[in-house]
């Protein structure tokens, strides 16, 4: 598959260990913030590009247009929020 996968593990546990065999695995606060921002910006851009695609149809998704899926796996989401300060 051509899926794009991002894994965030703020507790640096088992999922963080996947970083030894694959890319896009993050566990530090700064890395995770950068990843979330990049994935969000990529999704907004992808949505705009999909709407300009000649085969675009309302209600269809990325697969209809032959695009690869993109997944963000966020383990221990609450632990991440505990890492953040009030300004973040």
C-alpha atoms as a PDB file:
ATOM      1  CA  UNK A   1       0.000   0.000   0.000  1.00  0.00           C
ATOM      2  CA  UNK A   2       1.044   3.590  -0.521  1.00  0.00           C
ATOM      3  CA  UNK A   3      -0.481   4.732   2.766  1.00  0.00           C
ATOM      4  CA  UNK A   4       1.245   7.511   4.655  1.00  0.00           C
ATOM      5  CA  UNK A   5       1.415   6.782   8.388  1.00  0.00           C
ATOM      6  CA  UNK A   6       2.375   9.071  11.273  1.00  0.00           C
ATOM      7  CA  UNK A   7       2.650   7.766  14.835  1.00  0.00           C
ATOM      8  CA  UNK A   8       2.758   9.988  17.919  1.00  0.00           C
ATOM      9  CA  UNK A   9       3.586   8.482  21.308  1.00  0.00           C
ATOM     10  CA  UNK A  10       4.045  11.141  24.004  1.00  0.00           C
ATOM     11  CA  UNK A  11       4.905   8.567  26.683  1.00  0.00           C
ATOM     12  CA  UNK A  12       7.735   7.205  24.510  1.00  0.00           C
ATOM     13  CA  UNK A  13       6.311   3.696  24.936  1.00  0.00           C
ATOM     14  CA  UNK A  14       5.855   0.711  22.658  1.00  0.00           C
ATOM     15  CA  UNK A  15       4.665   2.667  19.622  1.00  0.00           C
ATOM     16  CA  UNK A  16       7.704   4.954  19.811  1.00  0.00           C
ATOM     17  CA  UNK A  17       9.871   1.849  19.352  1.00  0.00           C
ATOM     18  CA  UNK A  18       8.479   1.546  15.820  1.00  0.00           C
ATOM     19  CA  UNK A  19      10.808   4.427  14.967  1.00  0.00           C
ATOM     20  CA  UNK A  20      13.599   1.850  14.681  1.00  0.00           C
ATOM     21  CA  UNK A  21      11.903   0.212  11.685  1.00  0.00           C
ATOM     22  CA  UNK A  22       9.916   3.034  10.073  1.00  0.00           C
ATOM     23  CA  UNK A  23       9.840   6.787   9.696  1.00  0.00           C
ATOM     24  CA  UNK A  24       7.333   9.371  10.892  1.00  0.00           C
ATOM     25  CA  UNK A  25       7.325   8.182  14.512  1.00  0.00           C
ATOM     26  CA  UNK A  26       7.537  10.961  17.102  1.00  0.00           C
ATOM     27  CA  UNK A  27       7.557  11.204  20.890  1.00  0.00           C
ATOM     28  CA  UNK A  28       8.903  14.630  21.907  1.00  0.00           C
ATOM     29  CA  UNK A  29       6.550  17.552  22.404  1.00  0.00           C
ATOM     30  CA  UNK A  30       8.199  19.649  19.699  1.00  0.00           C
ATOM     31  CA  UNK A  31       8.237  16.820  17.144  1.00  0.00           C
ATOM     32  CA  UNK A  32       4.598  15.993  17.797  1.00  0.00           C
ATOM     33  CA  UNK A  33       3.483  19.625  17.494  1.00  0.00           C
ATOM     34  CA  UNK A  34       5.400  19.951  14.216  1.00  0.00           C
ATOM     35  CA  UNK A  35       3.881  16.702  12.928  1.00  0.00           C
ATOM     36  CA  UNK A  36       0.300  17.662  13.816  1.00  0.00           C
ATOM     37  CA  UNK A  37       0.760  21.052  12.140  1.00  0.00           C
ATOM     38  CA  UNK A  38       2.293  19.480   9.022  1.00  0.00           C
ATOM     39  CA  UNK A  39      -0.432  16.822   8.751  1.00  0.00           C
ATOM     40  CA  UNK A  40      -3.138  19.462   9.175  1.00  0.00           C
ATOM     41  CA  UNK A  41      -1.605  21.723   6.524  1.00  0.00           C
ATOM     42  CA  UNK A  42      -1.191  18.725   4.215  1.00  0.00           C
ATOM     43  CA  UNK A  43      -4.831  17.729   4.666  1.00  0.00           C
ATOM     44  CA  UNK A  44      -6.059  21.253   3.892  1.00  0.00           C
ATOM     45  CA  UNK A  45      -3.894  21.365   0.768  1.00  0.00           C
ATOM     46  CA  UNK A  46      -4.988  17.868  -0.265  1.00  0.00           C
ATOM     47  CA  UNK A  47      -8.657  18.801   0.140  1.00  0.00           C
ATOM     48  CA  UNK A  48      -8.191  21.841  -2.084  1.00  0.00           C
ATOM     49  CA  UNK A  49      -6.351  19.766  -4.695  1.00  0.00           C
ATOM     50  CA  UNK A  50      -9.076  17.102  -4.620  1.00  0.00           C
ATOM     51  CA  UNK A  51     -11.734  19.717  -5.331  1.00  0.00           C
ATOM     52  CA  UNK A  52      -9.762  20.864  -8.381  1.00  0.00           C
ATOM     53  CA  UNK A  53      -9.335  17.295  -9.667  1.00  0.00           C
ATOM     54  CA  UNK A  54     -11.204  16.738 -12.951  1.00  0.00           C
ATOM     55  CA  UNK A  55     -12.931  13.621 -11.544  1.00  0.00           C
ATOM     56  CA  UNK A  56     -13.965  15.261  -8.262  1.00  0.00           C
ATOM     57  CA  UNK A  57     -17.448  14.426  -6.989  1.00  0.00           C
ATOM     58  CA  UNK A  58     -19.024  15.770  -3.819  1.00  0.00           C
ATOM     59  CA  UNK A  59     -19.228  13.020  -1.213  1.00  0.00           C
ATOM     60  CA  UNK A  60     -16.400  10.924  -2.636  1.00  0.00           C
ATOM     61  CA  UNK A  61     -13.073  10.547  -0.851  1.00  0.00           C
ATOM     62  CA  UNK A  62      -9.371  10.181  -1.605  1.00  0.00           C
ATOM     63  CA  UNK A  63      -9.744   6.560  -2.797  1.00  0.00           C
ATOM     64  CA  UNK A  64     -12.214   7.565  -5.502  1.00  0.00           C
ATOM     65  CA  UNK A  65      -9.512   9.823  -6.937  1.00  0.00           C
ATOM     66  CA  UNK A  66      -6.786   7.173  -6.585  1.00  0.00           C
ATOM     67  CA  UNK A  67      -4.934   8.974  -3.801  1.00  0.00           C
ATOM     68  CA  UNK A  68      -3.161   7.125  -0.980  1.00  0.00           C
ATOM     69  CA  UNK A  69      -4.665   7.148   2.508  1.00  0.00           C
ATOM     70  CA  UNK A  70      -3.032   9.190   5.259  1.00  0.00           C
ATOM     71  CA  UNK A  71      -3.249   8.109   8.907  1.00  0.00           C
ATOM     72  CA  UNK A  72      -2.237   9.903  12.091  1.00  0.00           C
ATOM     73  CA  UNK A  73      -2.125   7.535  15.063  1.00  0.00           C
ATOM     74  CA  UNK A  74      -2.046   9.497  18.306  1.00  0.00           C
ATOM     75  CA  UNK A  75      -1.407   7.260  21.316  1.00  0.00           C
ATOM     76  CA  UNK A  76      -2.058   8.657  24.795  1.00  0.00           C
ATOM     77  CA  UNK A  77      -3.690  11.861  23.530  1.00  0.00           C
ATOM     78  CA  UNK A  78      -4.385  13.050  27.085  1.00  0.00           C
ATOM     79  CA  UNK A  79      -0.717  12.586  28.012  1.00  0.00           C
ATOM     80  CA  UNK A  80       0.207  14.896  25.141  1.00  0.00           C
ATOM     81  CA  UNK A  81      -2.090  17.617  26.468  1.00  0.00           C
ATOM     82  CA  UNK A  82      -0.498  17.233  29.881  1.00  0.00           C
ATOM     83  CA  UNK A  83       2.875  17.995  28.242  1.00  0.00           C
ATOM     84  CA  UNK A  84       1.611  21.288  26.874  1.00  0.00           C
ATOM     85  CA  UNK A  85       1.840  24.558  28.732  1.00  0.00           C
ATOM     86  CA  UNK A  86      -1.039  27.002  28.894  1.00  0.00           C
ATOM     87  CA  UNK A  87       0.358  29.021  25.948  1.00  0.00           C
ATOM     88  CA  UNK A  88       0.439  26.035  23.599  1.00  0.00           C
END
